[in-house]
Every structure is written in structure tokens, then in C-alpha cells.
């Protein structure tokens, strides 16, 4: 029921989900000029007045504009749950809440006994939307403040929420620049740390004595050597026999292979002859490596001289260069760009085998390019994916290249939004006439 009620008889509902009405100067000026066009949503209170369920910002602006009375939509609402539902739905329909205020409302509905599925049905949102909003409340307060101010997008905040159980890693993910990549790296680091801790627990529970690695797995225990092909020179049979000696132990290392158990000798002086064999082998390998580096350096100088002359003549065809250029374009791209390109082109990546296997996207892209008339599509798919990854960057050089990308899309019929138009390259000023 629509009624005109005096402002003096209105007060904010104590359970109001809006935290801050923000700057209401322009809204107050508009209300002073044409009146309050959108009614407040209120419910009768016990004291004879009315509680405001939706419209806290308009209420504050109306008071600032000097209005004595305002139009109100009166709802007979008794329960706290019903009031909260109305406040949420009314504000969401007007897109009048910040993401965190919205999340707070969902949280309170949950505290009243509603699950996410029921909340989604009540407010007309998807369950995934409810889940992502609630995840924002798990972020540190300083990150939440950046979401409110617009310094971090809601999408990026949803990514950061994946690290809610590891708040100390959230700042590292933000500091990385690209939050999606930063979160991915931190999640991988969490998995690696969990695997490291699991291996340490297993090693301590085993029958072989455990020695803690230095620098949290970054190096061997002091004074020890690893029993591998580059340690004290023991052959396979001797390494197996080493397990029965009192100098045999186990540790957990973290290196390019990830976290792993490693058999070690804590008294390498027990094997002096083997140590001398190891030194001699290291010397041979070092000489071989230096000879190889010298040969590679000589070959590189000759090769670059040849390539310089080749570039000067530029005698090659598109049939020769296109596959070569495409392969380099694909391999020079980050894995995230390769993955996005596959998604744009409708190509499925390949998962490798083994515990440390990763996804391969470069291979499927190059295979797709070999199909008739697909090479250019694959190349542009990689280029589009690279531009889309940089589209959210605020770094000045990135803004310029992304602006040219937006301009290119506009010339092919894409309708730019306001934020995209703002990033278009500025037209060059005409030179003054002399």
C-alpha cells in the first residue's frame, strides 16, 4: 500500500544491511528539485512509526533536501526473516547494494536457517552467485575495503576467496599484479607445502632415521650428501647396502621436481674413496660442459651472421614463414593465454600422466592449425586471448595496446561500453600552423 508519511515518523530498521549511504549530495539536490520519485519500503513499528526496510540512502538524501514527508510502500511484515528478505530483494532489484552489503544480507539469512539454495530461490539469484558473494566475507578486511572502493573487482575478489584459508598468501596474490595468475601460483604453493608436510610426517613415522632439511626443504641437512648419481659415488648396489649403515638417513627436499623424499648419508667421511671418485667425475663433467658451452657460443655467432643476411634479403614465402611464426607465437605465450585461446577456438587441452603432469594447450593449438584454413584462426585466437588477459591492466603501456584492441573490435561492429571507450587511443593533436 502506497502512503505519504512524515520523515519524523520514520526510522531505519536496526537490521538494515546497508553499511554506508555514501555521498548523497547529488541525490539530495535531485530530490530537492523534483521530489522523491522512488518510494521507500517500510513496515509498521511497535511505537506507532515505521521502520525503513529499503531506501536508507533515499531517506538520508530526503532529510538533507529538507523534505517533511515522503512516499512509502507500506508492507505488513512481522518476522525478522521476512523483513530481511524484503530488504534484500528490494535493494537488489535497484542494484542499490555493494557486493559486501549483499553478502552480509545472505549471511544473515543463513544465520536464520536458510541454506544457499533456498536463499537463491528467495532473492532470485543463482546458487553460484550466492556462494561467490558469501566467499567475499572470508577475505581480510583490507581486501574487502578494496572491493568496496573498486580497487579490486568482484571477479578478482572471488578468485582471492579461494585463498581464504591462507590469508597470509592473499597479499602475495594481489602483489603479483594479475590476480588470477597470482591466486593460481599461491594455490600451487599451498599444495606443494601440504605435500611437503605429508612427506615429512611419513618420513618421521618410518623406520629410517629422519633429518630435517635446511631452509624448509631448500637444502640438505648440514654435513650430509644425497645418495644419488652425483653424491659420494656409490653404485646402485652400494646405495642399497647403505641402508644398513648407521650413517643412512632420510630427509624431504623441495626442488624442481617438487617435494620428495631423499636418502642421505650423514657421515660422508665414512666413504673417502668414493668421495675422491665423485670429485674426479665432477671435474670431467665440468670440463665437458665448458667445452660444450664454447662450441655453442661459436655456433651462435656464425648462425646470427647468417640470419642477419637472411633478414636483409627477405626471400621467403608465406608458406614457409606462417607455420614458423605461429609455432613461436604459441610457445611464447603464457599457459593461461594458451588455455584461453583453446577455449575461444573450442579446442580441448590434453592432461599429461603422472603426479606432476600439467595440461598441454600448445600441442592442441598447433594441431588445429594444421587443419585446412585454420592457421589464421588459431593465430588470431592466441592474439585475442593475450589481449583479453591484459584488458584489466591499469599499467600505462598495457592501456595503450588494449585501447587499440578495443578500437579494432569497434571497427568490426562491437559496441563498446563506457569503460572500454575511455581506454580508446586519444586522437593526435593537429600540428599548429606556422
Protein backbone atom coordinates (compact mmCIF):
# COMPACT_ATOMS: atom_id res chain seq x y z
CA UNK A 1 0.00 0.00 0.00
CA UNK A 2 1.40 3.41 -1.03
CA UNK A 3 1.20 6.17 1.61
CA UNK A 4 2.82 9.55 2.18
CA UNK A 5 4.41 9.52 5.63
CA UNK A 6 6.23 12.21 7.66
CA UNK A 7 10.00 11.77 7.88
CA UNK A 8 9.80 12.30 11.64
CA UNK A 9 7.84 9.04 11.96
CA UNK A 10 10.39 7.01 10.01
CA UNK A 11 13.50 5.32 11.33
CA UNK A 12 15.98 2.84 9.93
CA UNK A 13 15.32 -0.80 10.69
CA UNK A 14 18.07 -1.98 13.13
CA UNK A 15 18.74 -4.93 10.85
CA UNK A 16 19.47 -2.67 7.87
CA UNK A 17 22.03 -4.34 5.59
CA UNK A 18 23.41 -1.12 4.11
CA UNK A 19 26.62 -0.11 5.87
CA UNK A 20 27.14 3.37 4.48
CA UNK A 21 24.89 5.67 2.43
CA UNK A 22 27.95 7.24 0.78
CA UNK A 23 27.90 10.68 -0.86
CA UNK A 24 24.26 11.78 -1.17
CA UNK A 25 24.88 15.36 -2.33
CA UNK A 26 23.72 14.86 -5.92
CA UNK A 27 20.78 12.68 -4.88
CA UNK A 28 19.67 15.30 -2.32
CA UNK A 29 19.85 18.04 -4.98
CA UNK A 30 17.76 15.91 -7.36
CA UNK A 31 15.13 15.23 -4.66
CA UNK A 32 15.01 18.93 -3.77
CA UNK A 33 14.35 19.77 -7.44
CA UNK A 34 11.79 17.12 -8.45
CA UNK A 35 10.88 15.29 -5.23
CA UNK A 36 11.39 11.66 -4.25
CA UNK A 37 10.27 9.62 -7.26
CA UNK A 38 11.06 6.16 -5.84
CA UNK A 39 9.11 5.32 -2.64
CA UNK A 40 10.74 3.88 0.45
CA UNK A 41 9.78 0.39 1.55
CA UNK A 42 8.64 0.44 5.19
CA UNK A 43 6.84 -1.69 7.76
CA UNK A 44 4.88 -0.55 10.85
CA UNK A 45 6.85 -0.48 14.11
CA UNK A 46 5.61 -1.06 17.65
CA UNK A 47 5.93 2.60 18.60
CA UNK A 48 3.43 3.79 16.00
CA UNK A 49 6.00 4.83 13.41
CA UNK A 50 7.53 2.87 10.55
CA UNK A 51 10.81 1.03 10.01
CA UNK A 52 12.64 1.52 6.68
CA UNK A 53 13.44 -1.83 5.07
CA UNK A 54 14.74 -0.47 1.74
CA UNK A 55 15.69 3.09 0.86
CA UNK A 56 18.19 4.13 3.55
CA UNK A 57 20.11 6.24 1.04
CA UNK A 58 16.98 7.96 -0.31
CA UNK A 59 15.82 8.57 3.27
CA UNK A 60 19.10 10.31 4.17
CA UNK A 61 19.01 12.39 0.95
CA UNK A 62 15.36 13.40 1.57
CA UNK A 63 16.28 14.64 5.06
CA UNK A 64 19.20 16.60 3.58
CA UNK A 65 16.89 18.09 0.94
CA UNK A 66 14.55 19.34 3.70
CA UNK A 67 11.50 17.22 2.85
CA UNK A 68 8.88 16.85 5.58
CA UNK A 69 7.18 13.79 4.14
CA UNK A 70 7.95 11.11 1.55
CA UNK A 71 6.05 8.46 -0.41
CA UNK A 72 6.35 4.99 1.15
CA UNK A 73 5.33 1.48 0.16
CA UNK A 74 3.97 0.03 3.42
CA UNK A 75 4.41 -3.71 3.95
CA UNK A 76 2.88 -5.62 6.87
CA UNK A 77 5.95 -7.65 7.88
CA UNK A 78 6.23 -9.42 11.21
CA UNK A 79 9.19 -11.81 11.24
CA UNK A 80 12.89 -10.87 11.07
CA UNK A 81 13.39 -13.33 8.21
CA UNK A 82 10.62 -11.76 6.14
CA UNK A 83 11.97 -8.25 6.76
CA UNK A 84 15.45 -9.30 5.71
CA UNK A 85 14.14 -10.96 2.53
CA UNK A 86 12.23 -7.82 1.54
CA UNK A 87 15.23 -5.59 2.27
CA UNK A 88 17.47 -7.78 0.15
CA UNK A 89 15.12 -8.20 -2.80
CA UNK A 90 14.10 -4.54 -2.92
CA UNK A 91 17.70 -3.33 -2.83
CA UNK A 92 18.91 -5.94 -5.30
CA UNK A 93 16.21 -5.01 -7.80
CA UNK A 94 17.55 -1.45 -7.72
CA UNK A 95 21.18 -2.65 -7.70
CA UNK A 96 21.40 -0.48 -4.60
CA UNK A 97 23.85 -2.54 -2.53
CA UNK A 98 27.58 -3.05 -2.62
CA UNK A 99 28.71 -6.68 -3.08
CA UNK A 100 29.72 -6.86 0.60
CA UNK A 101 26.39 -5.48 1.82
CA UNK A 102 24.67 -8.04 -0.37
CA UNK A 103 26.90 -10.79 1.06
CA UNK A 104 26.09 -9.66 4.61
CA UNK A 105 22.38 -9.99 3.85
CA UNK A 106 22.85 -13.53 2.55
CA UNK A 107 24.92 -14.39 5.61
CA UNK A 108 22.17 -13.22 7.94
CA UNK A 109 19.57 -15.24 6.04
CA UNK A 110 21.84 -18.23 6.53
CA UNK A 111 22.02 -17.50 10.25
CA UNK A 112 18.19 -17.63 10.27
CA UNK A 113 18.37 -21.21 9.00
CA UNK A 114 18.17 -20.84 5.20
CA UNK A 115 20.62 -22.79 3.03
CA UNK A 116 22.20 -21.30 -0.10
CA UNK A 117 19.74 -22.97 -2.44
CA UNK A 118 16.73 -21.56 -0.56
CA UNK A 119 18.33 -18.11 -0.39
CA UNK A 120 18.90 -18.18 -4.14
CA UNK A 121 15.25 -19.02 -4.77
CA UNK A 122 14.01 -16.34 -2.37
CA UNK A 123 16.06 -13.46 -3.84
CA UNK A 124 16.04 -14.54 -7.50
CA UNK A 125 19.75 -15.22 -7.84
CA UNK A 126 21.70 -18.37 -8.78
CA UNK A 127 23.19 -20.53 -6.04
CA UNK A 128 26.64 -19.92 -7.53
CA UNK A 129 26.09 -16.16 -7.19
CA UNK A 130 25.15 -16.57 -3.52
CA UNK A 131 28.21 -18.74 -2.88
CA UNK A 132 30.59 -16.26 -4.52
CA UNK A 133 29.14 -13.32 -2.59
CA UNK A 134 29.40 -15.17 0.73
CA UNK A 135 33.02 -16.00 -0.08
CA UNK A 136 33.80 -12.25 -0.04
CA UNK A 137 33.15 -12.21 3.71
CA UNK A 138 36.04 -14.63 4.22
CA UNK A 139 38.55 -12.12 2.83
CA UNK A 140 40.68 -9.90 5.10
CA UNK A 141 39.11 -6.53 5.92
CA UNK A 142 41.69 -4.57 3.90
CA UNK A 143 40.85 -6.61 0.77
CA UNK A 144 37.13 -6.13 1.43
CA UNK A 145 37.75 -2.38 1.57
CA UNK A 146 39.41 -2.52 -1.86
CA UNK A 147 36.36 -4.35 -3.24
CA UNK A 148 34.08 -1.59 -1.92
CA UNK A 149 36.32 1.16 -3.33
CA UNK A 150 36.61 -0.57 -6.71
CA UNK A 151 40.34 -1.23 -6.40
CA UNK A 152 39.63 -4.95 -6.73
CA UNK A 153 36.83 -6.26 -8.92
CA UNK A 154 34.23 -8.69 -7.57
CA UNK A 155 35.50 -11.33 -10.00
CA UNK A 156 39.06 -10.96 -8.71
CA UNK A 157 37.79 -10.96 -5.12
CA UNK A 158 36.03 -14.27 -5.84
CA UNK A 159 39.39 -15.64 -7.03
CA UNK A 160 41.12 -14.36 -3.87
CA UNK A 161 38.44 -16.07 -1.77
CA UNK A 162 39.96 -19.39 -2.87
CA UNK A 163 42.82 -18.46 -0.52
CA UNK A 164 40.53 -17.64 2.42
CA UNK A 165 42.05 -20.48 4.45
CA UNK A 166 45.51 -18.99 3.84
CA UNK A 167 45.10 -15.21 4.44
CA UNK A 168 48.88 -14.71 4.56
CA UNK A 169 49.02 -15.66 0.85
CA UNK A 170 46.29 -13.26 -0.30
CA UNK A 171 48.59 -10.24 -0.25
CA UNK A 172 51.15 -12.16 -2.29
CA UNK A 173 48.49 -12.96 -4.88
CA UNK A 174 47.43 -9.28 -5.06
CA UNK A 175 51.06 -8.14 -5.26
CA UNK A 176 51.61 -10.40 -8.29
CA UNK A 177 49.60 -7.94 -10.44
CA UNK A 178 47.40 -10.38 -12.32
CA UNK A 179 45.22 -11.73 -9.52
CA UNK A 180 44.08 -14.83 -11.41
CA UNK A 181 47.69 -15.87 -12.01
CA UNK A 182 48.70 -14.82 -8.52
CA UNK A 183 45.98 -16.97 -6.91
CA UNK A 184 46.95 -19.91 -9.12
CA UNK A 185 50.58 -19.65 -8.03
CA UNK A 186 49.67 -19.40 -4.36
CA UNK A 187 47.30 -22.38 -4.57
CA UNK A 188 50.08 -24.41 -6.18
CA UNK A 189 52.41 -23.30 -3.37
CA UNK A 190 49.81 -24.39 -0.80
CA UNK A 191 49.50 -27.81 -2.45
CA UNK A 192 53.30 -28.15 -2.53
CA UNK A 193 53.57 -27.18 1.16
CA UNK A 194 50.86 -29.70 2.08
CA UNK A 195 52.69 -32.41 0.14
CA UNK A 196 55.97 -31.42 1.82
CA UNK A 197 54.37 -31.67 5.30
CA UNK A 198 52.75 -35.01 4.41
CA UNK A 199 56.10 -36.46 3.27
CA UNK A 200 57.78 -35.20 6.45
CA UNK A 201 55.09 -36.90 8.56
CA UNK A 202 55.57 -40.16 6.64
CA UNK A 203 59.36 -39.93 6.91
CA UNK A 204 59.25 -39.36 10.67
CA UNK A 205 56.93 -42.36 11.09
CA UNK A 206 59.26 -44.66 9.13
CA UNK A 207 61.99 -46.91 10.42
CA UNK A 208 64.84 -44.94 8.77
CA UNK A 209 66.15 -42.01 10.88
CA UNK A 210 64.78 -38.65 9.69
CA UNK A 211 66.88 -35.48 9.39
CA UNK A 212 65.27 -32.09 8.83
CA UNK A 213 66.31 -30.30 5.66
CA UNK A 214 67.69 -26.79 5.95
CA UNK A 215 65.76 -23.73 4.67
CA UNK A 216 62.43 -25.66 4.91
CA UNK A 217 63.42 -28.21 2.32
CA UNK A 218 65.57 -25.95 0.20
CA UNK A 219 68.85 -27.71 1.05
CA UNK A 220 70.28 -30.87 2.55
CA UNK A 221 70.83 -31.24 6.32
CA UNK A 222 74.18 -29.76 7.31
CA UNK A 223 77.11 -32.04 6.57
CA UNK A 224 75.09 -34.62 4.63
CA UNK A 225 75.04 -35.68 0.98
CA UNK A 226 72.23 -37.16 -1.07
CA UNK A 227 72.60 -40.75 -2.21
CA UNK A 228 72.12 -40.19 -5.93
CA UNK A 229 74.35 -40.38 -9.01
CA UNK A 230 76.06 -37.10 -8.04
CA UNK A 231 76.76 -37.75 -4.35
CA UNK A 232 79.57 -39.86 -2.90
CA UNK A 233 79.88 -42.11 -5.93
CA UNK A 234 78.14 -45.22 -4.58
CA UNK A 235 76.77 -47.52 -7.25
CA UNK A 236 73.21 -48.91 -7.07
CA UNK A 237 74.19 -52.00 -5.08
CA UNK A 238 76.24 -49.96 -2.61
CA UNK A 239 73.37 -47.49 -2.15
CA UNK A 240 71.05 -50.36 -1.25
CA UNK A 241 73.62 -51.72 1.20
CA UNK A 242 73.97 -48.22 2.66
CA UNK A 243 70.54 -48.57 4.29
CA UNK A 244 72.04 -50.92 6.89
CA UNK A 245 74.73 -48.43 7.95
CA UNK A 246 74.39 -46.02 10.88
CA UNK A 247 75.13 -43.08 8.54
CA UNK A 248 71.98 -43.72 6.47
CA UNK A 249 69.02 -41.34 6.94
CA UNK A 250 66.13 -39.78 5.04
CA UNK A 251 65.07 -36.16 4.52
CA UNK A 252 62.45 -34.28 2.50
CA UNK A 253 63.61 -31.83 -0.17
CA UNK A 254 61.89 -29.26 -2.37
CA UNK A 255 63.47 -28.68 -5.78
CA UNK A 256 62.48 -28.57 -9.45
CA UNK A 257 60.85 -31.99 -9.01
CA UNK A 258 58.66 -30.68 -6.19
CA UNK A 259 58.59 -32.09 -2.67
CA UNK A 260 60.21 -35.51 -2.45
CA UNK A 261 61.88 -37.91 -0.04
CA UNK A 262 65.62 -38.32 -0.41
CA UNK A 263 68.02 -40.91 1.03
CA UNK A 264 71.10 -39.24 2.53
CA UNK A 265 74.42 -40.07 4.15
CA UNK A 266 75.02 -38.04 7.31
CA UNK A 267 78.67 -39.16 7.57
CA UNK A 268 80.13 -38.86 4.06
CA UNK A 269 83.64 -39.09 5.58
CA UNK A 270 82.92 -42.81 6.06
CA UNK A 271 83.36 -43.17 2.27
CA UNK A 272 86.64 -41.33 1.43
CA UNK A 273 87.49 -43.31 -1.68
CA UNK A 274 84.05 -42.75 -3.08
CA UNK A 275 84.34 -39.03 -2.38
CA UNK A 276 87.53 -38.81 -4.45
CA UNK A 277 85.83 -40.66 -7.31
CA UNK A 278 82.96 -38.19 -7.10
CA UNK A 279 85.37 -35.21 -7.31
CA UNK A 280 87.10 -36.66 -10.36
CA UNK A 281 83.74 -37.27 -12.04
CA UNK A 282 82.62 -33.72 -11.28
CA UNK A 283 85.82 -32.38 -12.87
CA UNK A 284 85.27 -34.43 -16.03
CA UNK A 285 81.66 -33.28 -16.29
CA UNK A 286 82.68 -29.67 -15.71
CA UNK A 287 85.29 -29.78 -18.50
CA UNK A 288 82.75 -31.39 -20.84
CA UNK A 289 80.18 -28.73 -20.01
CA UNK A 290 82.62 -25.87 -20.66
CA UNK A 291 83.65 -27.37 -24.00
CA UNK A 292 80.02 -27.69 -25.00
CA UNK A 293 79.26 -24.08 -23.98
CA UNK A 294 82.23 -22.85 -26.03
CA UNK A 295 81.08 -24.82 -29.09
CA UNK A 296 77.53 -23.49 -28.71
CA UNK A 297 78.81 -19.91 -28.43
CA UNK A 298 80.88 -20.30 -31.62
CA UNK A 299 77.91 -21.77 -33.47
CA UNK A 300 75.65 -18.95 -32.23
CA UNK A 301 77.97 -16.25 -33.66
CA UNK A 302 78.03 -17.93 -37.07
CA UNK A 303 74.29 -18.51 -37.03
CA UNK A 304 73.46 -14.87 -36.19
CA UNK A 305 75.68 -13.64 -39.02
CA UNK A 306 73.76 -15.87 -41.42
CA UNK A 307 70.36 -14.74 -40.04
CA UNK A 308 71.28 -11.04 -40.42
CA UNK A 309 71.96 -11.57 -44.12
CA UNK A 310 68.79 -13.63 -44.45
CA UNK A 311 66.69 -10.81 -42.99
CA UNK A 312 68.22 -8.29 -45.38
CA UNK A 313 67.15 -10.28 -48.45
CA UNK A 314 63.77 -11.38 -47.03
CA UNK A 315 63.50 -14.07 -49.68
CA UNK A 316 60.85 -16.35 -48.28
CA UNK A 317 57.21 -17.15 -48.89
CA UNK A 318 54.16 -17.11 -46.61
CA UNK A 319 54.01 -20.91 -46.89
CA UNK A 320 57.48 -21.05 -45.31
CA UNK A 321 57.04 -18.45 -42.59
CA UNK A 322 53.44 -18.80 -41.38
CA UNK A 323 53.85 -22.18 -39.60
CA UNK A 324 57.17 -20.99 -38.18
CA UNK A 325 55.65 -17.73 -36.87
CA UNK A 326 52.57 -19.45 -35.47
CA UNK A 327 54.65 -22.02 -33.56
CA UNK A 328 56.72 -19.24 -32.00
CA UNK A 329 53.57 -17.21 -31.20
CA UNK A 330 52.03 -20.17 -29.39
CA UNK A 331 55.15 -21.21 -27.47
CA UNK A 332 55.96 -17.61 -26.49
CA UNK A 333 52.53 -17.26 -24.86
CA UNK A 334 51.84 -17.96 -21.20
CA UNK A 335 50.00 -21.19 -20.38
CA UNK A 336 46.99 -19.09 -19.32
CA UNK A 337 46.88 -17.44 -22.77
CA UNK A 338 47.17 -20.83 -24.49
CA UNK A 339 44.31 -22.15 -22.35
CA UNK A 340 42.12 -19.11 -23.11
CA UNK A 341 42.89 -19.46 -26.84
CA UNK A 342 41.76 -23.10 -26.73
CA UNK A 343 38.51 -22.02 -25.06
CA UNK A 344 37.91 -19.33 -27.72
CA UNK A 345 38.52 -21.84 -30.51
CA UNK A 346 36.59 -24.69 -28.89
CA UNK A 347 39.69 -26.89 -28.57
CA UNK A 348 40.25 -29.37 -25.74
CA UNK A 349 43.61 -29.38 -23.94
CA UNK A 350 45.47 -32.58 -23.01
CA UNK A 351 46.29 -33.66 -19.44
CA UNK A 352 49.62 -35.39 -19.05
CA UNK A 353 50.22 -38.51 -16.96
CA UNK A 354 51.92 -38.79 -13.60
CA UNK A 355 51.56 -36.96 -10.24
CA UNK A 356 53.29 -33.79 -11.50
CA UNK A 357 51.81 -33.76 -15.01
CA UNK A 358 50.35 -30.50 -16.29
CA UNK A 359 47.89 -29.54 -19.01
CA UNK A 360 49.17 -29.12 -22.56
CA UNK A 361 47.44 -26.46 -24.65
CA UNK A 362 50.23 -25.62 -27.12
CA UNK A 363 50.10 -29.05 -28.79
CA UNK A 364 46.33 -28.98 -29.49
CA UNK A 365 46.62 -25.40 -30.85
CA UNK A 366 49.37 -26.35 -33.30
CA UNK A 367 47.46 -29.50 -34.30
CA UNK A 368 44.36 -27.40 -35.01
CA UNK A 369 46.47 -25.00 -37.13
CA UNK A 370 47.45 -27.88 -39.43
CA UNK A 371 43.82 -28.33 -40.49
CA UNK A 372 42.78 -26.67 -43.78
CA UNK A 373 42.18 -22.90 -43.44
CA UNK A 374 42.59 -22.93 -39.65
CA UNK A 375 46.09 -21.44 -39.26
CA UNK A 376 44.96 -17.79 -39.25
CA UNK A 377 42.05 -18.56 -36.89
CA UNK A 378 44.44 -20.20 -34.40
CA UNK A 379 46.91 -17.30 -34.63
CA UNK A 380 44.16 -14.71 -34.01
CA UNK A 381 42.74 -16.86 -31.21
CA UNK A 382 46.09 -16.63 -29.40
CA UNK A 383 46.29 -12.88 -30.07
CA UNK A 384 42.72 -12.29 -28.81
CA UNK A 385 43.43 -14.36 -25.69
CA UNK A 386 46.59 -12.31 -24.97
CA UNK A 387 44.70 -9.02 -25.34
CA UNK A 388 41.85 -10.25 -23.14
CA UNK A 389 44.33 -11.17 -20.41
CA UNK A 390 45.77 -7.64 -20.48
CA UNK A 391 42.36 -5.92 -20.76
CA UNK A 392 42.09 -5.47 -17.00
CA UNK A 393 45.56 -3.98 -16.55
CA UNK A 394 45.92 -0.37 -15.42
CA UNK A 395 49.60 -0.16 -16.41
CA UNK A 396 50.01 2.69 -18.92
CA UNK A 397 51.72 0.76 -21.78
CA UNK A 398 49.15 -2.03 -21.43
CA UNK A 399 46.31 0.51 -21.54
CA UNK A 400 47.58 1.81 -24.89
CA UNK A 401 47.80 -1.60 -26.59
CA UNK A 402 44.46 -2.73 -25.15
CA UNK A 403 42.90 0.53 -26.34
CA UNK A 404 43.98 -0.24 -29.88
CA UNK A 405 42.44 -3.70 -29.47
CA UNK A 406 39.13 -2.13 -28.41
CA UNK A 407 39.35 0.25 -31.39
CA UNK A 408 39.89 -2.72 -33.74
CA UNK A 409 36.82 -4.52 -32.32
CA UNK A 410 34.75 -1.35 -32.61
CA UNK A 411 35.62 -1.11 -36.31
CA UNK A 412 34.14 -4.59 -36.76
CA UNK A 413 30.79 -3.86 -35.15
CA UNK A 414 31.42 -4.39 -31.41
CA UNK A 415 29.59 -1.85 -29.24
CA UNK A 416 31.99 -0.57 -26.60
CA UNK A 417 30.90 0.09 -23.02
CA UNK A 418 31.73 3.38 -21.28
CA UNK A 419 34.75 1.92 -19.51
CA UNK A 420 36.05 0.49 -22.79
CA UNK A 421 35.52 3.78 -24.68
CA UNK A 422 37.58 5.53 -22.01
CA UNK A 423 40.57 3.40 -22.98
CA UNK A 424 40.50 4.15 -26.70
CA UNK A 425 43.66 5.85 -28.01
CA UNK A 426 43.36 9.61 -27.84
CA UNK A 427 43.42 11.34 -31.24
CA UNK A 428 46.66 13.12 -32.00
CA UNK A 429 46.54 16.90 -31.85
CA UNK A 430 47.00 18.66 -35.17
CA UNK A 431 50.29 20.45 -35.57
CA UNK A 432 49.92 24.25 -35.19
CA UNK A 433 50.01 26.18 -38.41
CA UNK A 434 53.05 28.32 -38.72
